[in-house]
Amino acid sequence: MKWHELLRIVRKEPVFTSAMLQTGQVSRERLRLQLSRWTEAGKIFQLRRGVYVLAHPYRSIEPHPFLLANTLRKNSYVSLQSALAYHGLIPEYVPVITSVTTSRPEELQTDLGIFVFRHIKMGYFFGYLRTEVAPGQKAFLATPEKALLDLVYGTRDGERTESLRELRLQNTDSIDLIRLRGIAERFDKPKISRAASRIIAIIEEELNES
């Protein structure tokens, strides 16, 4: 494959995989070698085996970090602090992209950022939507309620009132309290049920004070 052929195929793709290029008479081994050469030349970035992004001079679309996270680990969705920040529920800027996955936990440091994947049981893998995070780019993203409870699930003593207050939740009117209760029931864990009740109490307390 020639460079101009690669650009013709992927220039309008925010991220691409080697599988997308294995069509027709393209040799897998020759393609792997060519991709390696383009990576060494700085024309493309390899985020992990088989996942690539064009370098700045060549790409026409800036890949959204959430789309990259989904591509780096197929059975995952963005959640925890990243989703909470996206939904405007916490004030902090979150430089690391956090996701949950049913596969093994992993941290990837790439040229385009750090991506952390935390393990979650298959039965708790729900509560996310395919969301447009940038024009023409969609990613699997936890709802505000699921992101909160995913964080509690993966944090020691995360259900304690003190821990929940430390999140400094804001824009809590975007949290659907009925949905929060429903998600907690699906977890069917005392820790999560306590967290949901305490989150609701914190929100109601703030409403009364205002």
N, C-alpha and C. Protein backbone atom coordinates (compact mmCIF):
# COMPACT_ATOMS: atom_id res chain seq x y z
N MET A 1 0.84 -1.20 0.00
CA MET A 1 0.00 0.00 0.00
C MET A 1 0.88 1.25 0.00
N LYS A 2 0.50 2.20 -0.84
CA LYS A 2 1.21 3.48 -0.93
C LYS A 2 0.62 4.49 0.06
N TRP A 3 1.43 5.51 0.40
CA TRP A 3 0.97 6.52 1.34
C TRP A 3 -0.28 7.22 0.85
N HIS A 4 -0.34 7.56 -0.42
CA HIS A 4 -1.51 8.27 -0.95
C HIS A 4 -2.76 7.40 -0.88
N GLU A 5 -2.57 6.08 -0.96
CA GLU A 5 -3.71 5.17 -0.85
C GLU A 5 -4.24 5.15 0.59
N LEU A 6 -3.31 5.15 1.54
CA LEU A 6 -3.73 5.19 2.94
C LEU A 6 -4.52 6.47 3.23
N LEU A 7 -4.00 7.60 2.75
CA LEU A 7 -4.69 8.87 2.99
C LEU A 7 -6.08 8.87 2.36
N ARG A 8 -6.19 8.32 1.20
CA ARG A 8 -7.50 8.26 0.53
C ARG A 8 -8.52 7.48 1.36
N ILE A 9 -8.05 6.45 2.03
CA ILE A 9 -8.96 5.59 2.80
C ILE A 9 -9.30 6.16 4.16
N VAL A 10 -8.30 6.74 4.87
CA VAL A 10 -8.50 7.07 6.28
C VAL A 10 -8.43 8.55 6.63
N ARG A 11 -8.19 9.41 5.67
CA ARG A 11 -7.98 10.83 6.01
C ARG A 11 -9.17 11.44 6.74
N LYS A 12 -10.36 10.99 6.45
CA LYS A 12 -11.55 11.53 7.10
C LYS A 12 -12.00 10.69 8.29
N GLU A 13 -11.15 9.74 8.69
CA GLU A 13 -11.43 8.92 9.87
C GLU A 13 -10.64 9.46 11.06
N PRO A 14 -11.28 9.71 12.21
CA PRO A 14 -10.54 10.21 13.37
C PRO A 14 -9.55 9.19 13.91
N VAL A 15 -9.85 7.92 13.75
CA VAL A 15 -8.97 6.83 14.18
C VAL A 15 -9.21 5.66 13.23
N PHE A 16 -8.17 4.88 12.98
CA PHE A 16 -8.36 3.74 12.08
C PHE A 16 -7.61 2.52 12.60
N THR A 17 -8.01 1.37 12.12
CA THR A 17 -7.38 0.11 12.52
C THR A 17 -6.78 -0.57 11.30
N SER A 18 -5.84 -1.45 11.56
CA SER A 18 -5.22 -2.18 10.46
C SER A 18 -6.24 -3.07 9.77
N ALA A 19 -7.27 -3.52 10.50
CA ALA A 19 -8.30 -4.37 9.90
C ALA A 19 -9.05 -3.63 8.80
N MET A 20 -9.18 -2.29 8.93
CA MET A 20 -9.86 -1.50 7.91
C MET A 20 -9.11 -1.52 6.57
N LEU A 21 -7.81 -1.79 6.62
CA LEU A 21 -6.97 -1.70 5.43
C LEU A 21 -6.73 -3.06 4.77
N GLN A 22 -7.14 -4.12 5.44
CA GLN A 22 -6.88 -5.46 4.92
C GLN A 22 -7.98 -5.91 3.97
N THR A 23 -7.96 -5.33 2.80
CA THR A 23 -8.94 -5.66 1.77
C THR A 23 -8.21 -6.04 0.48
N GLY A 24 -8.93 -6.74 -0.38
CA GLY A 24 -8.37 -7.09 -1.69
C GLY A 24 -7.11 -7.93 -1.58
N GLN A 25 -6.07 -7.52 -2.30
CA GLN A 25 -4.83 -8.29 -2.37
C GLN A 25 -3.76 -7.80 -1.39
N VAL A 26 -4.15 -6.98 -0.40
CA VAL A 26 -3.18 -6.45 0.55
C VAL A 26 -2.65 -7.56 1.44
N SER A 27 -1.34 -7.76 1.46
CA SER A 27 -0.71 -8.76 2.32
C SER A 27 -0.67 -8.25 3.75
N ARG A 28 -1.10 -9.07 4.70
CA ARG A 28 -1.11 -8.68 6.10
C ARG A 28 0.30 -8.33 6.60
N GLU A 29 1.27 -9.16 6.23
CA GLU A 29 2.63 -8.93 6.68
C GLU A 29 3.22 -7.67 6.06
N ARG A 30 2.95 -7.46 4.78
CA ARG A 30 3.46 -6.25 4.11
C ARG A 30 2.80 -4.99 4.68
N LEU A 31 1.52 -5.10 4.98
CA LEU A 31 0.80 -3.97 5.56
C LEU A 31 1.37 -3.65 6.95
N ARG A 32 1.62 -4.66 7.75
CA ARG A 32 2.19 -4.45 9.09
C ARG A 32 3.54 -3.74 8.99
N LEU A 33 4.35 -4.17 8.04
CA LEU A 33 5.67 -3.58 7.86
C LEU A 33 5.56 -2.11 7.42
N GLN A 34 4.62 -1.84 6.52
CA GLN A 34 4.46 -0.47 6.02
C GLN A 34 3.95 0.46 7.12
N LEU A 35 3.00 -0.03 7.92
CA LEU A 35 2.49 0.76 9.04
C LEU A 35 3.60 1.05 10.05
N SER A 36 4.46 0.08 10.27
CA SER A 36 5.60 0.27 11.17
C SER A 36 6.53 1.36 10.65
N ARG A 37 6.76 1.37 9.36
CA ARG A 37 7.64 2.38 8.76
C ARG A 37 7.03 3.78 8.86
N TRP A 38 5.73 3.88 8.62
CA TRP A 38 5.07 5.19 8.71
C TRP A 38 5.05 5.68 10.16
N THR A 39 4.95 4.74 11.11
CA THR A 39 5.00 5.11 12.52
C THR A 39 6.38 5.66 12.87
N GLU A 40 7.42 4.98 12.44
CA GLU A 40 8.79 5.43 12.71
C GLU A 40 9.08 6.78 12.04
N ALA A 41 8.42 7.03 10.91
CA ALA A 41 8.63 8.28 10.19
C ALA A 41 7.81 9.43 10.78
N GLY A 42 6.96 9.13 11.76
CA GLY A 42 6.14 10.17 12.38
C GLY A 42 4.92 10.56 11.58
N LYS A 43 4.56 9.76 10.60
CA LYS A 43 3.37 10.07 9.79
C LYS A 43 2.09 9.60 10.45
N ILE A 44 2.19 8.55 11.26
CA ILE A 44 1.04 8.05 12.00
C ILE A 44 1.48 7.74 13.43
N PHE A 45 0.50 7.70 14.34
CA PHE A 45 0.74 7.29 15.72
C PHE A 45 0.10 5.93 15.92
N GLN A 46 0.83 5.02 16.55
CA GLN A 46 0.25 3.74 16.93
C GLN A 46 -0.16 3.83 18.40
N LEU A 47 -1.45 3.73 18.67
CA LEU A 47 -1.96 3.84 20.03
C LEU A 47 -1.87 2.51 20.77
N ARG A 48 -2.08 1.46 20.05
CA ARG A 48 -1.84 0.10 20.51
C ARG A 48 -1.81 -0.78 19.28
N ARG A 49 -1.51 -2.04 19.43
CA ARG A 49 -1.40 -2.90 18.27
C ARG A 49 -2.68 -2.85 17.43
N GLY A 50 -2.52 -2.45 16.18
CA GLY A 50 -3.64 -2.42 15.25
C GLY A 50 -4.49 -1.17 15.27
N VAL A 51 -4.18 -0.19 16.15
CA VAL A 51 -4.98 1.04 16.26
C VAL A 51 -4.08 2.24 16.00
N TYR A 52 -4.50 3.10 15.05
CA TYR A 52 -3.64 4.19 14.60
C TYR A 52 -4.43 5.49 14.43
N VAL A 53 -3.66 6.60 14.45
CA VAL A 53 -4.20 7.93 14.16
C VAL A 53 -3.19 8.63 13.26
N LEU A 54 -3.68 9.34 12.26
CA LEU A 54 -2.78 10.11 11.40
C LEU A 54 -2.13 11.23 12.21
N ALA A 55 -0.89 11.56 11.90
CA ALA A 55 -0.20 12.68 12.54
C ALA A 55 -0.85 14.00 12.08
N HIS A 56 -0.58 15.07 12.83
CA HIS A 56 -1.25 16.36 12.60
C HIS A 56 -1.21 16.87 11.16
N PRO A 57 -0.10 16.83 10.47
CA PRO A 57 -0.10 17.42 9.12
C PRO A 57 -1.03 16.71 8.14
N TYR A 58 -1.44 15.51 8.48
CA TYR A 58 -2.19 14.69 7.52
C TYR A 58 -3.66 14.47 7.88
N ARG A 59 -4.00 14.57 9.17
CA ARG A 59 -5.38 14.27 9.53
C ARG A 59 -6.26 15.51 9.40
N SER A 60 -7.49 15.29 8.98
CA SER A 60 -8.43 16.40 8.81
C SER A 60 -9.45 16.46 9.93
N ILE A 61 -9.48 15.43 10.77
CA ILE A 61 -10.42 15.37 11.89
C ILE A 61 -9.65 15.10 13.17
N GLU A 62 -9.89 15.91 14.19
CA GLU A 62 -9.24 15.69 15.48
C GLU A 62 -10.03 14.63 16.26
N PRO A 63 -9.41 13.50 16.59
CA PRO A 63 -10.15 12.43 17.28
C PRO A 63 -10.51 12.81 18.70
N HIS A 64 -11.75 12.57 19.09
CA HIS A 64 -12.16 12.84 20.46
C HIS A 64 -11.61 11.74 21.36
N PRO A 65 -11.10 12.11 22.55
CA PRO A 65 -10.52 11.11 23.45
C PRO A 65 -11.47 9.96 23.81
N PHE A 66 -12.78 10.25 23.89
CA PHE A 66 -13.73 9.19 24.25
C PHE A 66 -13.85 8.17 23.12
N LEU A 67 -13.82 8.65 21.88
CA LEU A 67 -13.85 7.73 20.74
C LEU A 67 -12.59 6.87 20.73
N LEU A 68 -11.45 7.48 21.04
CA LEU A 68 -10.21 6.73 21.11
C LEU A 68 -10.29 5.65 22.18
N ALA A 69 -10.85 6.00 23.33
CA ALA A 69 -10.97 5.03 24.42
C ALA A 69 -11.82 3.84 24.00
N ASN A 70 -12.94 4.11 23.35
CA ASN A 70 -13.80 3.03 22.87
C ASN A 70 -13.09 2.14 21.87
N THR A 71 -12.26 2.74 21.02
CA THR A 71 -11.56 1.98 19.99
C THR A 71 -10.42 1.15 20.59
N LEU A 72 -9.76 1.72 21.59
CA LEU A 72 -8.66 1.01 22.24
C LEU A 72 -9.13 -0.24 22.97
N ARG A 73 -10.34 -0.20 23.49
CA ARG A 73 -10.90 -1.36 24.19
C ARG A 73 -12.37 -1.48 23.79
N LYS A 74 -12.67 -2.46 22.95
CA LYS A 74 -14.01 -2.56 22.38
C LYS A 74 -15.10 -2.74 23.43
N ASN A 75 -14.89 -3.66 24.37
CA ASN A 75 -15.93 -3.93 25.38
C ASN A 75 -15.76 -2.98 26.56
N SER A 76 -15.97 -1.68 26.28
CA SER A 76 -15.81 -0.67 27.32
C SER A 76 -16.72 0.51 27.03
N TYR A 77 -16.92 1.34 28.06
CA TYR A 77 -17.58 2.63 27.87
C TYR A 77 -16.93 3.62 28.83
N VAL A 78 -16.92 4.88 28.46
CA VAL A 78 -16.32 5.93 29.27
C VAL A 78 -17.21 6.19 30.48
N SER A 79 -16.61 6.26 31.66
CA SER A 79 -17.39 6.44 32.88
C SER A 79 -16.54 7.15 33.93
N LEU A 80 -16.91 6.95 35.21
CA LEU A 80 -16.14 7.47 36.34
C LEU A 80 -15.90 8.98 36.20
N GLN A 81 -14.71 9.46 36.56
CA GLN A 81 -14.46 10.91 36.57
C GLN A 81 -14.59 11.54 35.19
N SER A 82 -14.21 10.82 34.15
CA SER A 82 -14.29 11.40 32.80
C SER A 82 -15.73 11.70 32.41
N ALA A 83 -16.62 10.76 32.68
CA ALA A 83 -18.03 10.97 32.35
C ALA A 83 -18.64 12.03 33.25
N LEU A 84 -18.27 12.03 34.53
CA LEU A 84 -18.81 13.04 35.46
C LEU A 84 -18.40 14.44 35.02
N ALA A 85 -17.15 14.60 34.60
CA ALA A 85 -16.68 15.90 34.13
C ALA A 85 -17.40 16.29 32.85
N TYR A 86 -17.58 15.34 31.93
CA TYR A 86 -18.28 15.62 30.67
C TYR A 86 -19.70 16.11 30.94
N HIS A 87 -20.37 15.48 31.89
CA HIS A 87 -21.75 15.85 32.22
C HIS A 87 -21.82 17.10 33.10
N GLY A 88 -20.66 17.65 33.48
CA GLY A 88 -20.64 18.87 34.29
C GLY A 88 -20.97 18.66 35.74
N LEU A 89 -20.78 17.43 36.24
CA LEU A 89 -21.15 17.13 37.62
C LEU A 89 -20.02 17.37 38.61
N ILE A 90 -18.78 17.41 38.14
CA ILE A 90 -17.65 17.72 39.02
C ILE A 90 -16.87 18.88 38.40
N PRO A 91 -16.25 19.71 39.24
CA PRO A 91 -15.59 20.91 38.72
C PRO A 91 -14.20 20.67 38.15
N GLU A 92 -13.56 19.54 38.49
CA GLU A 92 -12.17 19.34 38.10
C GLU A 92 -12.01 18.99 36.62
N TYR A 93 -10.90 19.46 36.06
CA TYR A 93 -10.48 19.01 34.74
C TYR A 93 -9.87 17.62 34.91
N VAL A 94 -10.24 16.68 34.06
CA VAL A 94 -9.78 15.30 34.19
C VAL A 94 -8.89 14.97 33.00
N PRO A 95 -7.57 14.96 33.18
CA PRO A 95 -6.66 14.72 32.05
C PRO A 95 -6.60 13.27 31.60
N VAL A 96 -6.91 12.33 32.51
CA VAL A 96 -6.88 10.90 32.18
C VAL A 96 -8.28 10.44 31.79
N ILE A 97 -8.37 9.69 30.71
CA ILE A 97 -9.67 9.18 30.26
C ILE A 97 -9.94 7.85 30.95
N THR A 98 -11.01 7.81 31.74
CA THR A 98 -11.33 6.62 32.52
C THR A 98 -12.55 5.91 31.94
N SER A 99 -12.42 4.61 31.79
CA SER A 99 -13.49 3.78 31.27
C SER A 99 -13.65 2.54 32.16
N VAL A 100 -14.76 1.84 31.98
CA VAL A 100 -14.93 0.54 32.62
C VAL A 100 -15.03 -0.52 31.53
N THR A 101 -14.59 -1.71 31.87
CA THR A 101 -14.56 -2.81 30.90
C THR A 101 -14.82 -4.12 31.63
N THR A 102 -15.34 -5.09 30.90
CA THR A 102 -15.52 -6.42 31.48
C THR A 102 -14.24 -7.24 31.36
N SER A 103 -13.25 -6.71 30.63
CA SER A 103 -11.97 -7.40 30.49
C SER A 103 -11.04 -6.97 31.62
N ARG A 104 -9.79 -7.37 31.52
CA ARG A 104 -8.82 -7.06 32.57
C ARG A 104 -8.57 -5.55 32.65
N PRO A 105 -8.24 -5.05 33.83
CA PRO A 105 -7.91 -3.62 33.96
C PRO A 105 -6.60 -3.32 33.24
N GLU A 106 -6.46 -2.06 32.81
CA GLU A 106 -5.28 -1.69 32.03
C GLU A 106 -5.11 -0.19 32.03
N GLU A 107 -3.86 0.26 31.93
CA GLU A 107 -3.55 1.67 31.72
C GLU A 107 -2.65 1.79 30.50
N LEU A 108 -3.07 2.63 29.55
CA LEU A 108 -2.31 2.83 28.32
C LEU A 108 -1.84 4.27 28.24
N GLN A 109 -0.55 4.45 28.08
CA GLN A 109 0.01 5.78 27.87
C GLN A 109 0.36 5.91 26.39
N THR A 110 -0.31 6.81 25.71
CA THR A 110 -0.16 6.96 24.26
C THR A 110 0.27 8.39 23.92
N ASP A 111 0.56 8.61 22.64
CA ASP A 111 0.91 9.95 22.18
C ASP A 111 -0.26 10.92 22.29
N LEU A 112 -1.46 10.39 22.42
CA LEU A 112 -2.65 11.24 22.48
C LEU A 112 -3.33 11.22 23.84
N GLY A 113 -2.62 10.74 24.86
CA GLY A 113 -3.18 10.79 26.20
C GLY A 113 -3.07 9.48 26.94
N ILE A 114 -3.53 9.51 28.20
CA ILE A 114 -3.51 8.34 29.07
C ILE A 114 -4.93 7.80 29.18
N PHE A 115 -5.07 6.50 29.00
CA PHE A 115 -6.37 5.85 29.03
C PHE A 115 -6.34 4.74 30.08
N VAL A 116 -7.26 4.84 31.04
CA VAL A 116 -7.35 3.86 32.12
C VAL A 116 -8.64 3.08 31.98
N PHE A 117 -8.54 1.75 32.07
CA PHE A 117 -9.71 0.88 31.99
C PHE A 117 -9.80 0.09 33.29
N ARG A 118 -10.91 0.24 33.99
CA ARG A 118 -11.13 -0.47 35.24
C ARG A 118 -12.13 -1.61 35.01
N HIS A 119 -11.89 -2.72 35.68
CA HIS A 119 -12.74 -3.89 35.48
C HIS A 119 -14.08 -3.72 36.21
N ILE A 120 -15.13 -4.21 35.55
CA ILE A 120 -16.45 -4.26 36.17
C ILE A 120 -17.09 -5.59 35.78
N LYS A 121 -17.88 -6.15 36.66
CA LYS A 121 -18.52 -7.44 36.37
C LYS A 121 -19.49 -7.30 35.21
N MET A 122 -19.66 -8.39 34.47
CA MET A 122 -20.54 -8.37 33.31
C MET A 122 -21.96 -7.92 33.68
N GLY A 123 -22.43 -8.34 34.85
CA GLY A 123 -23.78 -7.97 35.27
C GLY A 123 -23.97 -6.50 35.54
N TYR A 124 -22.88 -5.77 35.71
CA TYR A 124 -22.95 -4.32 35.96
C TYR A 124 -22.62 -3.50 34.72
N PHE A 125 -22.46 -4.18 33.60
CA PHE A 125 -22.08 -3.50 32.35
C PHE A 125 -23.35 -3.00 31.64
N PHE A 126 -23.85 -1.87 32.11
CA PHE A 126 -25.06 -1.27 31.54
C PHE A 126 -25.04 0.21 31.92
N GLY A 127 -26.07 0.94 31.51
CA GLY A 127 -26.18 2.33 31.93
C GLY A 127 -25.35 3.30 31.11
N TYR A 128 -25.17 3.00 29.83
CA TYR A 128 -24.40 3.88 28.95
C TYR A 128 -25.17 4.08 27.64
N LEU A 129 -24.84 5.16 26.95
CA LEU A 129 -25.49 5.50 25.69
C LEU A 129 -24.45 5.84 24.64
N ARG A 130 -24.78 5.59 23.39
CA ARG A 130 -23.91 6.03 22.30
C ARG A 130 -24.20 7.51 22.08
N THR A 131 -23.24 8.33 22.44
CA THR A 131 -23.43 9.78 22.52
C THR A 131 -22.52 10.51 21.54
N GLU A 132 -23.06 11.54 20.89
CA GLU A 132 -22.23 12.35 20.00
C GLU A 132 -21.37 13.27 20.86
N VAL A 133 -20.09 13.01 20.91
CA VAL A 133 -19.17 13.77 21.77
C VAL A 133 -18.43 14.86 20.99
N ALA A 134 -18.49 14.78 19.67
CA ALA A 134 -17.93 15.79 18.77
C ALA A 134 -18.65 15.63 17.45
N PRO A 135 -18.68 16.64 16.59
CA PRO A 135 -19.39 16.52 15.31
C PRO A 135 -18.95 15.27 14.54
N GLY A 136 -19.91 14.40 14.30
CA GLY A 136 -19.63 13.19 13.54
C GLY A 136 -18.93 12.09 14.31
N GLN A 137 -18.71 12.29 15.62
CA GLN A 137 -18.02 11.28 16.43
C GLN A 137 -18.91 10.87 17.61
N LYS A 138 -19.18 9.58 17.69
CA LYS A 138 -20.00 9.06 18.78
C LYS A 138 -19.21 8.06 19.60
N ALA A 139 -19.49 8.05 20.91
CA ALA A 139 -18.78 7.15 21.82
C ALA A 139 -19.76 6.61 22.85
N PHE A 140 -19.47 5.43 23.36
CA PHE A 140 -20.28 4.86 24.44
C PHE A 140 -19.88 5.53 25.74
N LEU A 141 -20.87 6.19 26.37
CA LEU A 141 -20.63 7.05 27.54
C LEU A 141 -21.66 6.77 28.61
N ALA A 142 -21.21 6.64 29.85
CA ALA A 142 -22.12 6.40 30.97
C ALA A 142 -23.05 7.58 31.17
N THR A 143 -24.28 7.29 31.57
CA THR A 143 -25.19 8.34 31.98
C THR A 143 -24.64 8.96 33.28
N PRO A 144 -25.10 10.15 33.65
CA PRO A 144 -24.60 10.76 34.89
C PRO A 144 -24.78 9.85 36.10
N GLU A 145 -25.95 9.20 36.17
CA GLU A 145 -26.25 8.36 37.32
C GLU A 145 -25.35 7.13 37.38
N LYS A 146 -25.11 6.50 36.22
CA LYS A 146 -24.28 5.29 36.21
C LYS A 146 -22.82 5.64 36.47
N ALA A 147 -22.37 6.78 35.94
CA ALA A 147 -20.98 7.20 36.18
C ALA A 147 -20.73 7.37 37.67
N LEU A 148 -21.69 7.97 38.37
CA LEU A 148 -21.56 8.16 39.82
C LEU A 148 -21.45 6.82 40.55
N LEU A 149 -22.35 5.91 40.21
CA LEU A 149 -22.36 4.63 40.93
C LEU A 149 -21.22 3.72 40.50
N ASP A 150 -20.75 3.85 39.26
CA ASP A 150 -19.54 3.12 38.85
C ASP A 150 -18.35 3.57 39.69
N LEU A 151 -18.28 4.87 39.95
CA LEU A 151 -17.17 5.40 40.75
C LEU A 151 -17.25 4.88 42.18
N VAL A 152 -18.44 4.86 42.73
CA VAL A 152 -18.62 4.32 44.08
C VAL A 152 -18.22 2.85 44.11
N TYR A 153 -18.65 2.11 43.11
CA TYR A 153 -18.37 0.66 43.03
C TYR A 153 -16.87 0.39 43.06
N GLY A 154 -16.10 1.19 42.36
CA GLY A 154 -14.67 0.95 42.25
C GLY A 154 -13.81 1.68 43.25
N THR A 155 -14.44 2.36 44.23
CA THR A 155 -13.69 3.14 45.21
C THR A 155 -13.92 2.60 46.61
N ARG A 156 -12.85 2.31 47.31
CA ARG A 156 -12.99 1.84 48.68
C ARG A 156 -13.63 2.92 49.54
N ASP A 157 -14.65 2.57 50.28
CA ASP A 157 -15.41 3.50 51.12
C ASP A 157 -16.05 4.60 50.29
N GLY A 158 -16.28 4.33 49.01
CA GLY A 158 -16.86 5.34 48.13
C GLY A 158 -18.28 5.71 48.47
N GLU A 159 -18.95 4.88 49.26
CA GLU A 159 -20.34 5.15 49.62
C GLU A 159 -20.47 6.05 50.84
N ARG A 160 -19.37 6.32 51.52
CA ARG A 160 -19.43 7.15 52.73
C ARG A 160 -19.84 8.58 52.36
N THR A 161 -20.61 9.19 53.23
CA THR A 161 -21.08 10.56 52.97
C THR A 161 -19.91 11.51 52.76
N GLU A 162 -18.85 11.34 53.55
CA GLU A 162 -17.68 12.21 53.42
C GLU A 162 -17.05 12.08 52.02
N SER A 163 -16.95 10.85 51.54
CA SER A 163 -16.37 10.60 50.21
C SER A 163 -17.24 11.22 49.12
N LEU A 164 -18.54 11.10 49.27
CA LEU A 164 -19.46 11.65 48.27
C LEU A 164 -19.42 13.18 48.28
N ARG A 165 -19.29 13.77 49.45
CA ARG A 165 -19.20 15.24 49.53
C ARG A 165 -17.90 15.74 48.90
N GLU A 166 -16.84 14.93 49.02
CA GLU A 166 -15.55 15.33 48.45
C GLU A 166 -15.59 15.44 46.92
N LEU A 167 -16.59 14.84 46.30
CA LEU A 167 -16.74 14.96 44.85
C LEU A 167 -17.14 16.38 44.45
N ARG A 168 -17.71 17.11 45.39
CA ARG A 168 -18.19 18.49 45.14
C ARG A 168 -19.14 18.53 43.94
N LEU A 169 -20.16 17.70 44.01
CA LEU A 169 -21.11 17.60 42.92
C LEU A 169 -21.77 18.95 42.63
N GLN A 170 -21.91 19.24 41.34
CA GLN A 170 -22.56 20.46 40.90
C GLN A 170 -23.55 20.11 39.78
N ASN A 171 -24.38 21.08 39.43
CA ASN A 171 -25.39 20.86 38.38
C ASN A 171 -26.18 19.58 38.63
N THR A 172 -26.53 19.36 39.90
CA THR A 172 -27.18 18.11 40.27
C THR A 172 -28.61 17.99 39.74
N ASP A 173 -29.14 19.08 39.18
CA ASP A 173 -30.47 18.99 38.58
C ASP A 173 -30.47 18.09 37.34
N SER A 174 -29.27 17.78 36.83
CA SER A 174 -29.18 16.89 35.67
C SER A 174 -29.20 15.42 36.08
N ILE A 175 -29.18 15.15 37.39
CA ILE A 175 -29.24 13.77 37.87
C ILE A 175 -30.70 13.36 38.04
N ASP A 176 -31.09 12.28 37.37
CA ASP A 176 -32.44 11.74 37.48
C ASP A 176 -32.46 10.82 38.70
N LEU A 177 -33.11 11.26 39.77
CA LEU A 177 -33.08 10.52 41.03
C LEU A 177 -33.80 9.17 40.92
N ILE A 178 -34.83 9.11 40.11
CA ILE A 178 -35.54 7.84 39.91
C ILE A 178 -34.64 6.86 39.17
N ARG A 179 -33.93 7.35 38.15
CA ARG A 179 -33.00 6.50 37.41
C ARG A 179 -31.86 6.06 38.32
N LEU A 180 -31.40 6.96 39.18
CA LEU A 180 -30.32 6.62 40.11
C LEU A 180 -30.74 5.45 41.01
N ARG A 181 -31.96 5.52 41.52
CA ARG A 181 -32.48 4.44 42.36
C ARG A 181 -32.57 3.13 41.57
N GLY A 182 -33.04 3.24 40.33
CA GLY A 182 -33.20 2.05 39.50
C GLY A 182 -31.87 1.37 39.21
N ILE A 183 -30.85 2.18 38.93
CA ILE A 183 -29.52 1.62 38.66
C ILE A 183 -28.97 0.96 39.92
N ALA A 184 -29.17 1.60 41.07
CA ALA A 184 -28.71 1.03 42.32
C ALA A 184 -29.36 -0.33 42.58
N GLU A 185 -30.64 -0.45 42.25
CA GLU A 185 -31.34 -1.72 42.43
C GLU A 185 -30.76 -2.80 41.52
N ARG A 186 -30.37 -2.43 40.31
CA ARG A 186 -29.78 -3.42 39.39
C ARG A 186 -28.41 -3.89 39.89
N PHE A 187 -27.67 -3.02 40.55
CA PHE A 187 -26.41 -3.45 41.15
C PHE A 187 -26.65 -4.51 42.23
N ASP A 188 -27.73 -4.32 42.98
CA ASP A 188 -28.11 -5.26 44.04
C ASP A 188 -26.94 -5.47 45.01
N LYS A 189 -26.35 -4.36 45.43
CA LYS A 189 -25.26 -4.40 46.41
C LYS A 189 -25.57 -3.37 47.50
N PRO A 190 -25.48 -3.76 48.76
CA PRO A 190 -25.77 -2.82 49.86
C PRO A 190 -24.95 -1.53 49.76
N LYS A 191 -23.68 -1.65 49.37
CA LYS A 191 -22.81 -0.48 49.24
C LYS A 191 -23.39 0.52 48.26
N ILE A 192 -23.86 0.04 47.12
CA ILE A 192 -24.40 0.93 46.09
C ILE A 192 -25.74 1.52 46.52
N SER A 193 -26.56 0.71 47.19
CA SER A 193 -27.85 1.22 47.68
C SER A 193 -27.64 2.33 48.69
N ARG A 194 -26.67 2.14 49.58
CA ARG A 194 -26.37 3.19 50.58
C ARG A 194 -25.89 4.46 49.88
N ALA A 195 -25.04 4.28 48.87
CA ALA A 195 -24.51 5.44 48.14
C ALA A 195 -25.63 6.21 47.47
N ALA A 196 -26.55 5.50 46.81
CA ALA A 196 -27.66 6.17 46.12
C ALA A 196 -28.50 6.99 47.12
N SER A 197 -28.80 6.40 48.26
CA SER A 197 -29.60 7.10 49.27
C SER A 197 -28.87 8.34 49.78
N ARG A 198 -27.57 8.24 49.96
CA ARG A 198 -26.80 9.37 50.48
C ARG A 198 -26.62 10.46 49.42
N ILE A 199 -26.48 10.06 48.16
CA ILE A 199 -26.41 11.07 47.08
C ILE A 199 -27.71 11.85 47.02
N ILE A 200 -28.82 11.14 47.10
CA ILE A 200 -30.13 11.80 47.06
C ILE A 200 -30.28 12.74 48.26
N ALA A 201 -29.83 12.31 49.43
CA ALA A 201 -29.93 13.15 50.62
C ALA A 201 -29.08 14.41 50.47
N ILE A 202 -27.88 14.27 49.89
CA ILE A 202 -27.01 15.43 49.68
C ILE A 202 -27.66 16.41 48.71
N ILE A 203 -28.24 15.89 47.63
CA ILE A 203 -28.88 16.75 46.64
C ILE A 203 -30.07 17.47 47.25
N GLU A 204 -30.90 16.75 48.00
CA GLU A 204 -32.08 17.36 48.63
C GLU A 204 -31.68 18.40 49.67
N GLU A 205 -30.61 18.12 50.38
CA GLU A 205 -30.09 19.08 51.37
C GLU A 205 -29.67 20.38 50.69
N GLU A 206 -28.98 20.25 49.54
CA GLU A 206 -28.54 21.45 48.82
C GLU A 206 -29.73 22.22 48.27
N LEU A 207 -30.75 21.50 47.82
CA LEU A 207 -31.95 22.17 47.31
C LEU A 207 -32.65 22.96 48.42
N ASN A 208 -32.74 22.36 49.60
CA ASN A 208 -33.38 23.04 50.73
C ASN A 208 -32.61 24.29 51.15
N GLU A 209 -31.27 24.18 51.09
CA GLU A 209 -30.44 25.33 51.48
C GLU A 209 -30.55 26.48 50.48
N SER A 210 -30.78 26.14 49.20
CA SER A 210 -30.91 27.18 48.20
C SER A 210 -32.31 27.75 48.15
